[in-house]
Amino acid sequence: VGEDKPRQIASGLRPFYSLEEMQGRTVLVLCNLKARNLVGFPSHGMVMCASNDDHTKVEFAVPPEGAKIGERVVFEGHDGEPEAENKVAKKKMFEKLAPDLKTNADGAIEWKGATSKT
């Protein structure tokens, strides 16, 4: 995302993945969230994953093919500029959008049927 150093992001993925399975992995991250103190440090984003209905299986959402580290991901037909952290939090934007986020058979993330792209 064009920053000088890596972001620290806490997640609830420990029950599903070992540290070795997570290190060095390319993942999708929701970045324009306000930092929240989780497990003793400020977390600057959310790792995008999908789960089954009873939340016993969790898998990483797959970045679009050819996506580069730090590249912005959008959905087809929705190429607008990202909202600021404060606006996302104040208007509870993620909470409104989340019910329409799904993954397809290939693990790629979609929103209202629109495929993710760079």
PDB file of N, CA and C in Angstrom:
ATOM      1  N   VAL A   1       0.828  -1.191   0.000  1.00  0.00           N
ATOM      2  CA  VAL A   1       0.000   0.000   0.000  1.00  0.00           C
ATOM      3  C   VAL A   1       0.869   1.249   0.000  1.00  0.00           C
ATOM      4  N   GLY A   2       2.066   1.112  -0.500  1.00  0.00           N
ATOM      5  CA  GLY A   2       2.945   2.249  -0.655  1.00  0.00           C
ATOM      6  C   GLY A   2       3.532   2.787   0.626  1.00  0.00           C
ATOM      7  N   GLU A   3       3.703   1.951   1.623  1.00  0.00           N
ATOM      8  CA  GLU A   3       4.261   2.387   2.901  1.00  0.00           C
ATOM      9  C   GLU A   3       5.708   1.928   3.025  1.00  0.00           C
ATOM     10  N   ASP A   4       6.458   2.638   3.879  1.00  0.00           N
ATOM     11  CA  ASP A   4       7.877   2.341   4.039  1.00  0.00           C
ATOM     12  C   ASP A   4       8.168   1.045   4.780  1.00  0.00           C
ATOM     13  N   LYS A   5       7.265   0.644   5.663  1.00  0.00           N
ATOM     14  CA  LYS A   5       7.532  -0.557   6.460  1.00  0.00           C
ATOM     15  C   LYS A   5       6.292  -1.451   6.491  1.00  0.00           C
ATOM     16  N   PRO A   6       6.480  -2.719   6.827  1.00  0.00           N
ATOM     17  CA  PRO A   6       5.332  -3.637   6.893  1.00  0.00           C
ATOM     18  C   PRO A   6       4.347  -3.231   7.989  1.00  0.00           C
ATOM     19  N   ARG A   7       3.085  -3.561   7.774  1.00  0.00           N
ATOM     20  CA  ARG A   7       2.051  -3.329   8.781  1.00  0.00           C
ATOM     21  C   ARG A   7       2.018  -4.488   9.756  1.00  0.00           C
ATOM     22  N   GLN A   8       1.731  -4.177  11.013  1.00  0.00           N
ATOM     23  CA  GLN A   8       1.481  -5.227  11.998  1.00  0.00           C
ATOM     24  C   GLN A   8      -0.026  -5.425  12.053  1.00  0.00           C
ATOM     25  N   ILE A   9      -0.449  -6.680  11.862  1.00  0.00           N
ATOM     26  CA  ILE A   9      -1.872  -6.992  11.871  1.00  0.00           C
ATOM     27  C   ILE A   9      -2.108  -8.212  12.740  1.00  0.00           C
ATOM     28  N   ALA A  10      -2.979  -8.050  13.718  1.00  0.00           N
ATOM     29  CA  ALA A  10      -3.375  -9.177  14.563  1.00  0.00           C
ATOM     30  C   ALA A  10      -4.579  -9.851  13.908  1.00  0.00           C
ATOM     31  N   SER A  11      -4.703 -11.148  14.115  1.00  0.00           N
ATOM     32  CA  SER A  11      -5.850 -11.872  13.553  1.00  0.00           C
ATOM     33  C   SER A  11      -6.268 -12.974  14.520  1.00  0.00           C
ATOM     34  N   GLY A  12      -7.415 -13.531  14.284  1.00  0.00           N
ATOM     35  CA  GLY A  12      -7.890 -14.648  15.092  1.00  0.00           C
ATOM     36  C   GLY A  12      -7.679 -15.964  14.380  1.00  0.00           C
ATOM     37  N   LEU A  13      -6.572 -16.079  13.650  1.00  0.00           N
ATOM     38  CA  LEU A  13      -6.343 -17.251  12.799  1.00  0.00           C
ATOM     39  C   LEU A  13      -5.527 -18.355  13.450  1.00  0.00           C
ATOM     40  N   ARG A  14      -5.040 -18.144  14.657  1.00  0.00           N
ATOM     41  CA  ARG A  14      -4.196 -19.144  15.321  1.00  0.00           C
ATOM     42  C   ARG A  14      -4.850 -20.529  15.394  1.00  0.00           C
ATOM     43  N   PRO A  15      -6.164 -20.641  15.650  1.00  0.00           N
ATOM     44  CA  PRO A  15      -6.775 -21.982  15.696  1.00  0.00           C
ATOM     45  C   PRO A  15      -6.781 -22.698  14.336  1.00  0.00           C
ATOM     46  N   PHE A  16      -6.547 -21.955  13.252  1.00  0.00           N
ATOM     47  CA  PHE A  16      -6.668 -22.526  11.915  1.00  0.00           C
ATOM     48  C   PHE A  16      -5.338 -22.674  11.176  1.00  0.00           C
ATOM     49  N   TYR A  17      -4.340 -21.870  11.544  1.00  0.00           N
ATOM     50  CA  TYR A  17      -3.052 -21.882  10.849  1.00  0.00           C
ATOM     51  C   TYR A  17      -1.910 -21.769  11.847  1.00  0.00           C
ATOM     52  N   SER A  18      -0.820 -22.465  11.566  1.00  0.00           N
ATOM     53  CA  SER A  18       0.388 -22.316  12.381  1.00  0.00           C
ATOM     54  C   SER A  18       1.141 -21.071  11.911  1.00  0.00           C
ATOM     55  N   LEU A  19       2.071 -20.608  12.716  1.00  0.00           N
ATOM     56  CA  LEU A  19       2.892 -19.460  12.352  1.00  0.00           C
ATOM     57  C   LEU A  19       3.623 -19.733  11.040  1.00  0.00           C
ATOM     58  N   GLU A  20       4.136 -20.948  10.885  1.00  0.00           N
ATOM     59  CA  GLU A  20       4.874 -21.311   9.668  1.00  0.00           C
ATOM     60  C   GLU A  20       3.976 -21.251   8.432  1.00  0.00           C
ATOM     61  N   GLU A  21       2.720 -21.604   8.577  1.00  0.00           N
ATOM     62  CA  GLU A  21       1.791 -21.554   7.444  1.00  0.00           C
ATOM     63  C   GLU A  21       1.422 -20.118   7.065  1.00  0.00           C
ATOM     64  N   MET A  22       1.582 -19.204   7.998  1.00  0.00           N
ATOM     65  CA  MET A  22       1.206 -17.814   7.742  1.00  0.00           C
ATOM     66  C   MET A  22       2.377 -16.950   7.285  1.00  0.00           C
ATOM     67  N   GLN A  23       3.580 -17.240   7.773  1.00  0.00           N
ATOM     68  CA  GLN A  23       4.738 -16.407   7.443  1.00  0.00           C
ATOM     69  C   GLN A  23       5.040 -16.463   5.951  1.00  0.00           C
ATOM     70  N   GLY A  24       5.259 -15.293   5.366  1.00  0.00           N
ATOM     71  CA  GLY A  24       5.641 -15.204   3.970  1.00  0.00           C
ATOM     72  C   GLY A  24       4.494 -15.409   2.993  1.00  0.00           C
ATOM     73  N   ARG A  25       3.309 -15.589   3.487  1.00  0.00           N
ATOM     74  CA  ARG A  25       2.139 -15.844   2.642  1.00  0.00           C
ATOM     75  C   ARG A  25       1.619 -14.518   2.072  1.00  0.00           C
ATOM     76  N   THR A  26       1.203 -14.523   0.820  1.00  0.00           N
ATOM     77  CA  THR A  26       0.583 -13.356   0.213  1.00  0.00           C
ATOM     78  C   THR A  26      -0.905 -13.396   0.539  1.00  0.00           C
ATOM     79  N   VAL A  27      -1.395 -12.343   1.171  1.00  0.00           N
ATOM     80  CA  VAL A  27      -2.792 -12.301   1.612  1.00  0.00           C
ATOM     81  C   VAL A  27      -3.435 -10.979   1.194  1.00  0.00           C
ATOM     82  N   LEU A  28      -4.744 -10.953   1.228  1.00  0.00           N
ATOM     83  CA  LEU A  28      -5.492  -9.713   1.039  1.00  0.00           C
ATOM     84  C   LEU A  28      -5.717  -9.085   2.403  1.00  0.00           C
ATOM     85  N   VAL A  29      -5.524  -7.776   2.486  1.00  0.00           N
ATOM     86  CA  VAL A  29      -5.699  -7.073   3.755  1.00  0.00           C
ATOM     87  C   VAL A  29      -6.595  -5.863   3.536  1.00  0.00           C
ATOM     88  N   LEU A  30      -7.577  -5.707   4.388  1.00  0.00           N
ATOM     89  CA  LEU A  30      -8.392  -4.498   4.404  1.00  0.00           C
ATOM     90  C   LEU A  30      -7.601  -3.472   5.204  1.00  0.00           C
ATOM     91  N   CYS A  31      -7.156  -2.406   4.530  1.00  0.00           N
ATOM     92  CA  CYS A  31      -6.198  -1.481   5.142  1.00  0.00           C
ATOM     93  C   CYS A  31      -6.800  -0.209   5.712  1.00  0.00           C
ATOM     94  N   ASN A  32      -7.919   0.254   5.201  1.00  0.00           N
ATOM     95  CA  ASN A  32      -8.401   1.559   5.666  1.00  0.00           C
ATOM     96  C   ASN A  32      -9.343   1.426   6.862  1.00  0.00           C
ATOM     97  N   LEU A  33      -8.860   0.670   7.842  1.00  0.00           N
ATOM     98  CA  LEU A  33      -9.535   0.550   9.131  1.00  0.00           C
ATOM     99  C   LEU A  33      -8.706   1.288  10.172  1.00  0.00           C
ATOM    100  N   LYS A  34      -9.364   1.868  11.151  1.00  0.00           N
ATOM    101  CA  LYS A  34      -8.641   2.507  12.250  1.00  0.00           C
ATOM    102  C   LYS A  34      -7.855   1.453  13.010  1.00  0.00           C
ATOM    103  N   ALA A  35      -6.641   1.797  13.421  1.00  0.00           N
ATOM    104  CA  ALA A  35      -5.829   0.867  14.218  1.00  0.00           C
ATOM    105  C   ALA A  35      -6.557   0.548  15.515  1.00  0.00           C
ATOM    106  N   ARG A  36      -6.506  -0.731  15.902  1.00  0.00           N
ATOM    107  CA  ARG A  36      -7.134  -1.168  17.154  1.00  0.00           C
ATOM    108  C   ARG A  36      -6.106  -1.945  17.954  1.00  0.00           C
ATOM    109  N   ASN A  37      -6.083  -1.707  19.252  1.00  0.00           N
ATOM    110  CA  ASN A  37      -5.176  -2.457  20.112  1.00  0.00           C
ATOM    111  C   ASN A  37      -5.723  -3.858  20.323  1.00  0.00           C
ATOM    112  N   LEU A  38      -5.017  -4.828  19.793  1.00  0.00           N
ATOM    113  CA  LEU A  38      -5.373  -6.237  19.930  1.00  0.00           C
ATOM    114  C   LEU A  38      -4.134  -6.980  20.390  1.00  0.00           C
ATOM    115  N   VAL A  39      -4.285  -7.873  21.304  1.00  0.00           N
ATOM    116  CA  VAL A  39      -3.190  -8.699  21.847  1.00  0.00           C
ATOM    117  C   VAL A  39      -1.902  -7.917  22.108  1.00  0.00           C
ATOM    118  N   GLY A  40      -2.040  -6.718  22.657  1.00  0.00           N
ATOM    119  CA  GLY A  40      -0.877  -5.978  23.118  1.00  0.00           C
ATOM    120  C   GLY A  40      -0.203  -5.059  22.124  1.00  0.00           C
ATOM    121  N   PHE A  41      -0.719  -4.915  20.918  1.00  0.00           N
ATOM    122  CA  PHE A  41      -0.145  -3.960  19.971  1.00  0.00           C
ATOM    123  C   PHE A  41      -1.236  -3.451  19.035  1.00  0.00           C
ATOM    124  N   PRO A  42      -1.006  -2.276  18.413  1.00  0.00           N
ATOM    125  CA  PRO A  42      -2.013  -1.758  17.488  1.00  0.00           C
ATOM    126  C   PRO A  42      -2.013  -2.561  16.184  1.00  0.00           C
ATOM    127  N   SER A  43      -3.177  -3.054  15.813  1.00  0.00           N
ATOM    128  CA  SER A  43      -3.341  -3.808  14.575  1.00  0.00           C
ATOM    129  C   SER A  43      -3.831  -2.843  13.499  1.00  0.00           C
ATOM    130  N   HIS A  44      -3.144  -2.829  12.358  1.00  0.00           N
ATOM    131  CA  HIS A  44      -3.416  -1.864  11.291  1.00  0.00           C
ATOM    132  C   HIS A  44      -4.048  -2.525  10.074  1.00  0.00           C
ATOM    133  N   GLY A  45      -5.130  -3.254  10.263  1.00  0.00           N
ATOM    134  CA  GLY A  45      -5.820  -3.863   9.133  1.00  0.00           C
ATOM    135  C   GLY A  45      -6.478  -5.167   9.516  1.00  0.00           C
ATOM    136  N   MET A  46      -7.071  -5.814   8.513  1.00  0.00           N
ATOM    137  CA  MET A  46      -7.762  -7.085   8.716  1.00  0.00           C
ATOM    138  C   MET A  46      -7.410  -8.027   7.567  1.00  0.00           C
ATOM    139  N   VAL A  47      -6.924  -9.214   7.904  1.00  0.00           N
ATOM    140  CA  VAL A  47      -6.630 -10.231   6.896  1.00  0.00           C
ATOM    141  C   VAL A  47      -7.965 -10.772   6.396  1.00  0.00           C
ATOM    142  N   MET A  48      -8.158 -10.765   5.086  1.00  0.00           N
ATOM    143  CA  MET A  48      -9.424 -11.205   4.502  1.00  0.00           C
ATOM    144  C   MET A  48      -9.430 -12.725   4.349  1.00  0.00           C
ATOM    145  N   CYS A  49     -10.430 -13.345   4.944  1.00  0.00           N
ATOM    146  CA  CYS A  49     -10.586 -14.799   4.913  1.00  0.00           C
ATOM    147  C   CYS A  49     -12.045 -15.145   4.660  1.00  0.00           C
ATOM    148  N   ALA A  50     -12.275 -16.403   4.383  1.00  0.00           N
ATOM    149  CA  ALA A  50     -13.635 -16.929   4.237  1.00  0.00           C
ATOM    150  C   ALA A  50     -13.778 -18.100   5.191  1.00  0.00           C
ATOM    151  N   SER A  51     -15.003 -18.316   5.661  1.00  0.00           N
ATOM    152  CA  SER A  51     -15.240 -19.451   6.552  1.00  0.00           C
ATOM    153  C   SER A  51     -16.537 -20.149   6.165  1.00  0.00           C
ATOM    154  N   ASN A  52     -16.662 -21.378   6.644  1.00  0.00           N
ATOM    155  CA  ASN A  52     -17.926 -22.079   6.458  1.00  0.00           C
ATOM    156  C   ASN A  52     -18.935 -21.525   7.464  1.00  0.00           C
ATOM    157  N   ASP A  53     -20.192 -21.969   7.363  1.00  0.00           N
ATOM    158  CA  ASP A  53     -21.260 -21.406   8.196  1.00  0.00           C
ATOM    159  C   ASP A  53     -21.030 -21.573   9.691  1.00  0.00           C
ATOM    160  N   ASP A  54     -20.463 -22.700  10.106  1.00  0.00           N
ATOM    161  CA  ASP A  54     -20.258 -22.902  11.550  1.00  0.00           C
ATOM    162  C   ASP A  54     -18.866 -22.469  12.018  1.00  0.00           C
ATOM    163  N   HIS A  55     -18.120 -21.828  11.128  1.00  0.00           N
ATOM    164  CA  HIS A  55     -16.812 -21.238  11.444  1.00  0.00           C
ATOM    165  C   HIS A  55     -15.809 -22.274  11.973  1.00  0.00           C
ATOM    166  N   THR A  56     -15.897 -23.498  11.458  1.00  0.00           N
ATOM    167  CA  THR A  56     -14.926 -24.524  11.843  1.00  0.00           C
ATOM    168  C   THR A  56     -13.798 -24.627  10.824  1.00  0.00           C
ATOM    169  N   LYS A  57     -13.965 -24.007   9.660  1.00  0.00           N
ATOM    170  CA  LYS A  57     -12.938 -24.004   8.623  1.00  0.00           C
ATOM    171  C   LYS A  57     -12.788 -22.572   8.114  1.00  0.00           C
ATOM    172  N   VAL A  58     -11.552 -22.093   8.092  1.00  0.00           N
ATOM    173  CA  VAL A  58     -11.259 -20.739   7.627  1.00  0.00           C
ATOM    174  C   VAL A  58     -10.139 -20.825   6.602  1.00  0.00           C
ATOM    175  N   GLU A  59     -10.306 -20.126   5.479  1.00  0.00           N
ATOM    176  CA  GLU A  59      -9.280 -20.091   4.434  1.00  0.00           C
ATOM    177  C   GLU A  59      -9.012 -18.649   4.043  1.00  0.00           C
ATOM    178  N   PHE A  60      -7.767 -18.381   3.657  1.00  0.00           N
ATOM    179  CA  PHE A  60      -7.404 -17.053   3.182  1.00  0.00           C
ATOM    180  C   PHE A  60      -8.099 -16.772   1.855  1.00  0.00           C
ATOM    181  N   ALA A  61      -8.599 -15.551   1.690  1.00  0.00           N
ATOM    182  CA  ALA A  61      -9.099 -15.125   0.386  1.00  0.00           C
ATOM    183  C   ALA A  61      -7.891 -15.002  -0.538  1.00  0.00           C
ATOM    184  N   VAL A  62      -8.050 -15.381  -1.779  1.00  0.00           N
ATOM    185  CA  VAL A  62      -6.949 -15.394  -2.743  1.00  0.00           C
ATOM    186  C   VAL A  62      -6.861 -14.031  -3.438  1.00  0.00           C
ATOM    187  N   PRO A  63      -5.674 -13.408  -3.445  1.00  0.00           N
ATOM    188  CA  PRO A  63      -5.522 -12.148  -4.177  1.00  0.00           C
ATOM    189  C   PRO A  63      -5.753 -12.369  -5.674  1.00  0.00           C
ATOM    190  N   PRO A  64      -6.177 -11.331  -6.404  1.00  0.00           N
ATOM    191  CA  PRO A  64      -6.360 -11.477  -7.845  1.00  0.00           C
ATOM    192  C   PRO A  64      -5.063 -11.922  -8.514  1.00  0.00           C
ATOM    193  N   GLU A  65      -5.188 -12.706  -9.569  1.00  0.00           N
ATOM    194  CA  GLU A  65      -4.014 -13.197 -10.285  1.00  0.00           C
ATOM    195  C   GLU A  65      -3.164 -12.023 -10.753  1.00  0.00           C
ATOM    196  N   GLY A  66      -1.869 -12.108 -10.510  1.00  0.00           N
ATOM    197  CA  GLY A  66      -0.935 -11.065 -10.925  1.00  0.00           C
ATOM    198  C   GLY A  66      -0.835  -9.889  -9.962  1.00  0.00           C
ATOM    199  N   ALA A  67      -1.584  -9.910  -8.868  1.00  0.00           N
ATOM    200  CA  ALA A  67      -1.538  -8.802  -7.903  1.00  0.00           C
ATOM    201  C   ALA A  67      -0.146  -8.709  -7.281  1.00  0.00           C
ATOM    202  N   LYS A  68       0.341  -7.496  -7.164  1.00  0.00           N
ATOM    203  CA  LYS A  68       1.648  -7.257  -6.550  1.00  0.00           C
ATOM    204  C   LYS A  68       1.443  -6.849  -5.088  1.00  0.00           C
ATOM    205  N   ILE A  69       2.449  -7.114  -4.276  1.00  0.00           N
ATOM    206  CA  ILE A  69       2.387  -6.738  -2.862  1.00  0.00           C
ATOM    207  C   ILE A  69       2.179  -5.230  -2.754  1.00  0.00           C
ATOM    208  N   GLY A  70       1.185  -4.839  -1.972  1.00  0.00           N
ATOM    209  CA  GLY A  70       0.885  -3.428  -1.762  1.00  0.00           C
ATOM    210  C   GLY A  70      -0.034  -2.816  -2.796  1.00  0.00           C
ATOM    211  N   GLU A  71      -0.391  -3.574  -3.828  1.00  0.00           N
ATOM    212  CA  GLU A  71      -1.263  -3.049  -4.877  1.00  0.00           C
ATOM    213  C   GLU A  71      -2.712  -3.011  -4.394  1.00  0.00           C
ATOM    214  N   ARG A  72      -3.412  -1.973  -4.764  1.00  0.00           N
ATOM    215  CA  ARG A  72      -4.809  -1.810  -4.362  1.00  0.00           C
ATOM    216  C   ARG A  72      -5.695  -2.779  -5.141  1.00  0.00           C
ATOM    217  N   VAL A  73      -6.607  -3.419  -4.426  1.00  0.00           N
ATOM    218  CA  VAL A  73      -7.561  -4.348  -5.028  1.00  0.00           C
ATOM    219  C   VAL A  73      -8.943  -3.705  -4.966  1.00  0.00           C
ATOM    220  N   VAL A  74      -9.663  -3.754  -6.091  1.00  0.00           N
ATOM    221  CA  VAL A  74     -11.022  -3.206  -6.173  1.00  0.00           C
ATOM    222  C   VAL A  74     -11.934  -4.278  -6.754  1.00  0.00           C
ATOM    223  N   PHE A  75     -13.200  -3.969  -6.869  1.00  0.00           N
ATOM    224  CA  PHE A  75     -14.147  -4.887  -7.485  1.00  0.00           C
ATOM    225  C   PHE A  75     -14.571  -4.326  -8.831  1.00  0.00           C
ATOM    226  N   GLU A  76     -14.762  -5.201  -9.808  1.00  0.00           N
ATOM    227  CA  GLU A  76     -15.154  -4.772 -11.151  1.00  0.00           C
ATOM    228  C   GLU A  76     -16.362  -3.849 -11.066  1.00  0.00           C
ATOM    229  N   GLY A  77     -16.246  -2.688 -11.735  1.00  0.00           N
ATOM    230  CA  GLY A  77     -17.327  -1.713 -11.727  1.00  0.00           C
ATOM    231  C   GLY A  77     -17.337  -0.784 -10.529  1.00  0.00           C
ATOM    232  N   HIS A  78     -16.386  -0.955  -9.617  1.00  0.00           N
ATOM    233  CA  HIS A  78     -16.325  -0.131  -8.398  1.00  0.00           C
ATOM    234  C   HIS A  78     -14.887   0.331  -8.185  1.00  0.00           C
ATOM    235  N   ASP A  79     -14.431   1.237  -9.044  1.00  0.00           N
ATOM    236  CA  ASP A  79     -13.036   1.664  -9.023  1.00  0.00           C
ATOM    237  C   ASP A  79     -12.803   2.980  -8.285  1.00  0.00           C
ATOM    238  N   GLY A  80     -13.731   3.431  -7.461  1.00  0.00           N
ATOM    239  CA  GLY A  80     -13.592   4.710  -6.761  1.00  0.00           C
ATOM    240  C   GLY A  80     -12.410   4.738  -5.816  1.00  0.00           C
ATOM    241  N   GLU A  81     -12.157   5.897  -5.280  1.00  0.00           N
ATOM    242  CA  GLU A  81     -11.060   6.071  -4.325  1.00  0.00           C
ATOM    243  C   GLU A  81     -11.458   5.492  -2.965  1.00  0.00           C
ATOM    244  N   PRO A  82     -10.485   4.970  -2.215  1.00  0.00           N
ATOM    245  CA  PRO A  82     -10.804   4.413  -0.891  1.00  0.00           C
ATOM    246  C   PRO A  82     -11.221   5.509   0.089  1.00  0.00           C
ATOM    247  N   GLU A  83     -12.084   5.153   0.997  1.00  0.00           N
ATOM    248  CA  GLU A  83     -12.519   6.085   2.044  1.00  0.00           C
ATOM    249  C   GLU A  83     -11.454   6.155   3.136  1.00  0.00           C
ATOM    250  N   ALA A  84     -11.414   7.270   3.841  1.00  0.00           N
ATOM    251  CA  ALA A  84     -10.470   7.454   4.946  1.00  0.00           C
ATOM    252  C   ALA A  84     -10.866   6.578   6.131  1.00  0.00           C
ATOM    253  N   GLU A  85      -9.873   6.215   6.942  1.00  0.00           N
ATOM    254  CA  GLU A  85     -10.095   5.356   8.120  1.00  0.00           C
ATOM    255  C   GLU A  85     -11.233   5.855   9.001  1.00  0.00           C
ATOM    256  N   ASN A  86     -11.224   7.166   9.293  1.00  0.00           N
ATOM    257  CA  ASN A  86     -12.234   7.717  10.199  1.00  0.00           C
ATOM    258  C   ASN A  86     -13.641   7.586   9.628  1.00  0.00           C
ATOM    259  N   LYS A  87     -13.786   7.794   8.331  1.00  0.00           N
ATOM    260  CA  LYS A  87     -15.108   7.679   7.708  1.00  0.00           C
ATOM    261  C   LYS A  87     -15.574   6.223   7.712  1.00  0.00           C
ATOM    262  N   VAL A  88     -14.670   5.292   7.441  1.00  0.00           N
ATOM    263  CA  VAL A  88     -15.012   3.865   7.452  1.00  0.00           C
ATOM    264  C   VAL A  88     -15.524   3.474   8.834  1.00  0.00           C
ATOM    265  N   ALA A  89     -14.849   3.943   9.883  1.00  0.00           N
ATOM    266  CA  ALA A  89     -15.252   3.607  11.253  1.00  0.00           C
ATOM    267  C   ALA A  89     -16.560   4.296  11.636  1.00  0.00           C
ATOM    268  N   LYS A  90     -16.643   5.596  11.373  1.00  0.00           N
ATOM    269  CA  LYS A  90     -17.806   6.376  11.789  1.00  0.00           C
ATOM    270  C   LYS A  90     -19.088   5.880  11.123  1.00  0.00           C
ATOM    271  N   LYS A  91     -19.024   5.565   9.853  1.00  0.00           N
ATOM    272  CA  LYS A  91     -20.220   5.143   9.115  1.00  0.00           C
ATOM    273  C   LYS A  91     -20.412   3.628   9.120  1.00  0.00           C
ATOM    274  N   LYS A  92     -19.534   2.924   9.846  1.00  0.00           N
ATOM    275  CA  LYS A  92     -19.603   1.462   9.934  1.00  0.00           C
ATOM    276  C   LYS A  92     -19.710   0.834   8.537  1.00  0.00           C
ATOM    277  N   MET A  93     -18.848   1.301   7.642  1.00  0.00           N
ATOM    278  CA  MET A  93     -18.904   0.872   6.249  1.00  0.00           C
ATOM    279  C   MET A  93     -18.612  -0.615   6.070  1.00  0.00           C
ATOM    280  N   PHE A  94     -17.592  -1.121   6.765  1.00  0.00           N
ATOM    281  CA  PHE A  94     -17.274  -2.535   6.584  1.00  0.00           C
ATOM    282  C   PHE A  94     -18.437  -3.410   7.038  1.00  0.00           C
ATOM    283  N   GLU A  95     -19.043  -3.053   8.142  1.00  0.00           N
ATOM    284  CA  GLU A  95     -20.168  -3.836   8.657  1.00  0.00           C
ATOM    285  C   GLU A  95     -21.324  -3.883   7.657  1.00  0.00           C
ATOM    286  N   LYS A  96     -21.497  -2.803   6.884  1.00  0.00           N
ATOM    287  CA  LYS A  96     -22.564  -2.753   5.879  1.00  0.00           C
ATOM    288  C   LYS A  96     -22.205  -3.561   4.632  1.00  0.00           C
ATOM    289  N   LEU A  97     -20.925  -3.583   4.279  1.00  0.00           N
ATOM    290  CA  LEU A  97     -20.478  -4.274   3.064  1.00  0.00           C
ATOM    291  C   LEU A  97     -20.239  -5.765   3.279  1.00  0.00           C
ATOM    292  N   ALA A  98     -19.848  -6.141   4.476  1.00  0.00           N
ATOM    293  CA  ALA A  98     -19.424  -7.518   4.761  1.00  0.00           C
ATOM    294  C   ALA A  98     -20.439  -8.592   4.383  1.00  0.00           C
ATOM    295  N   PRO A  99     -21.740  -8.400   4.618  1.00  0.00           N
ATOM    296  CA  PRO A  99     -22.675  -9.481   4.269  1.00  0.00           C
ATOM    297  C   PRO A  99     -22.672  -9.859   2.784  1.00  0.00           C
ATOM    298  N   ASP A 100     -22.238  -8.940   1.915  1.00  0.00           N
ATOM    299  CA  ASP A 100     -22.216  -9.217   0.475  1.00  0.00           C
ATOM    300  C   ASP A 100     -20.850  -9.680  -0.026  1.00  0.00           C
ATOM    301  N   LEU A 101     -19.871  -9.817   0.873  1.00  0.00           N
ATOM    302  CA  LEU A 101     -18.559 -10.347   0.489  1.00  0.00           C
ATOM    303  C   LEU A 101     -18.623 -11.869   0.497  1.00  0.00           C
ATOM    304  N   LYS A 102     -18.169 -12.473  -0.582  1.00  0.00           N
ATOM    305  CA  LYS A 102     -18.159 -13.935  -0.718  1.00  0.00           C
ATOM    306  C   LYS A 102     -16.858 -14.332  -1.407  1.00  0.00           C
ATOM    307  N   THR A 103     -16.540 -15.607  -1.380  1.00  0.00           N
ATOM    308  CA  THR A 103     -15.446 -16.117  -2.204  1.00  0.00           C
ATOM    309  C   THR A 103     -16.041 -17.060  -3.228  1.00  0.00           C
ATOM    310  N   ASN A 104     -15.420 -17.089  -4.416  1.00  0.00           N
ATOM    311  CA  ASN A 104     -15.888 -18.010  -5.447  1.00  0.00           C
ATOM    312  C   ASN A 104     -15.178 -19.353  -5.285  1.00  0.00           C
ATOM    313  N   ALA A 105     -15.409 -20.262  -6.211  1.00  0.00           N
ATOM    314  CA  ALA A 105     -14.841 -21.614  -6.116  1.00  0.00           C
ATOM    315  C   ALA A 105     -13.313 -21.607  -6.099  1.00  0.00           C
ATOM    316  N   ASP A 106     -12.699 -20.557  -6.657  1.00  0.00           N
ATOM    317  CA  ASP A 106     -11.238 -20.459  -6.688  1.00  0.00           C
ATOM    318  C   ASP A 106     -10.674 -19.740  -5.465  1.00  0.00           C
ATOM    319  N   GLY A 107     -11.535 -19.295  -4.563  1.00  0.00           N
ATOM    320  CA  GLY A 107     -11.080 -18.585  -3.372  1.00  0.00           C
ATOM    321  C   GLY A 107     -10.918 -17.094  -3.573  1.00  0.00           C
ATOM    322  N   ALA A 108     -11.246 -16.590  -4.783  1.00  0.00           N
ATOM    323  CA  ALA A 108     -11.154 -15.153  -5.047  1.00  0.00           C
ATOM    324  C   ALA A 108     -12.335 -14.451  -4.392  1.00  0.00           C
ATOM    325  N   ILE A 109     -12.082 -13.277  -3.853  1.00  0.00           N
ATOM    326  CA  ILE A 109     -13.129 -12.544  -3.146  1.00  0.00           C
ATOM    327  C   ILE A 109     -14.003 -11.783  -4.143  1.00  0.00           C
ATOM    328  N   GLU A 110     -15.304 -11.768  -3.875  1.00  0.00           N
ATOM    329  CA  GLU A 110     -16.279 -11.058  -4.698  1.00  0.00           C
ATOM    330  C   GLU A 110     -17.179 -10.234  -3.787  1.00  0.00           C
ATOM    331  N   TRP A 111     -17.713  -9.148  -4.339  1.00  0.00           N
ATOM    332  CA  TRP A 111     -18.689  -8.331  -3.616  1.00  0.00           C
ATOM    333  C   TRP A 111     -19.887  -8.120  -4.526  1.00  0.00           C
ATOM    334  N   LYS A 112     -21.041  -8.583  -4.087  1.00  0.00           N
ATOM    335  CA  LYS A 112     -22.274  -8.514  -4.881  1.00  0.00           C
ATOM    336  C   LYS A 112     -22.052  -9.091  -6.275  1.00  0.00           C
ATOM    337  N   GLY A 113     -21.266 -10.161  -6.357  1.00  0.00           N
ATOM    338  CA  GLY A 113     -21.010 -10.837  -7.623  1.00  0.00           C
ATOM    339  C   GLY A 113     -19.900 -10.233  -8.465  1.00  0.00           C
ATOM    340  N   ALA A 114     -19.369  -9.074  -8.077  1.00  0.00           N
ATOM    341  CA  ALA A 114     -18.278  -8.436  -8.820  1.00  0.00           C
ATOM    342  C   ALA A 114     -16.953  -9.010  -8.335  1.00  0.00           C
ATOM    343  N   THR A 115     -16.141  -9.476  -9.271  1.00  0.00           N
ATOM    344  CA  THR A 115     -14.861 -10.103  -8.948  1.00  0.00           C
ATOM    345  C   THR A 115     -13.816  -9.053  -8.581  1.00  0.00           C
ATOM    346  N   SER A 116     -12.915  -9.418  -7.672  1.00  0.00           N
ATOM    347  CA  SER A 116     -11.825  -8.519  -7.293  1.00  0.00           C
ATOM    348  C   SER A 116     -10.788  -8.465  -8.405  1.00  0.00           C
ATOM    349  N   LYS A 117     -10.142  -7.300  -8.524  1.00  0.00           N
ATOM    350  CA  LYS A 117      -9.107  -7.093  -9.543  1.00  0.00           C
ATOM    351  C   LYS A 117      -8.145  -6.020  -9.050  1.00  0.00           C
ATOM    352  N   THR A 118      -7.016  -5.892  -9.760  1.00  0.00           N
ATOM    353  CA  THR A 118      -6.063  -4.826  -9.420  1.00  0.00           C
ATOM    354  C   THR A 118      -6.111  -3.761 -10.483  1.00  0.00           C
TER     355      THR A 118
END
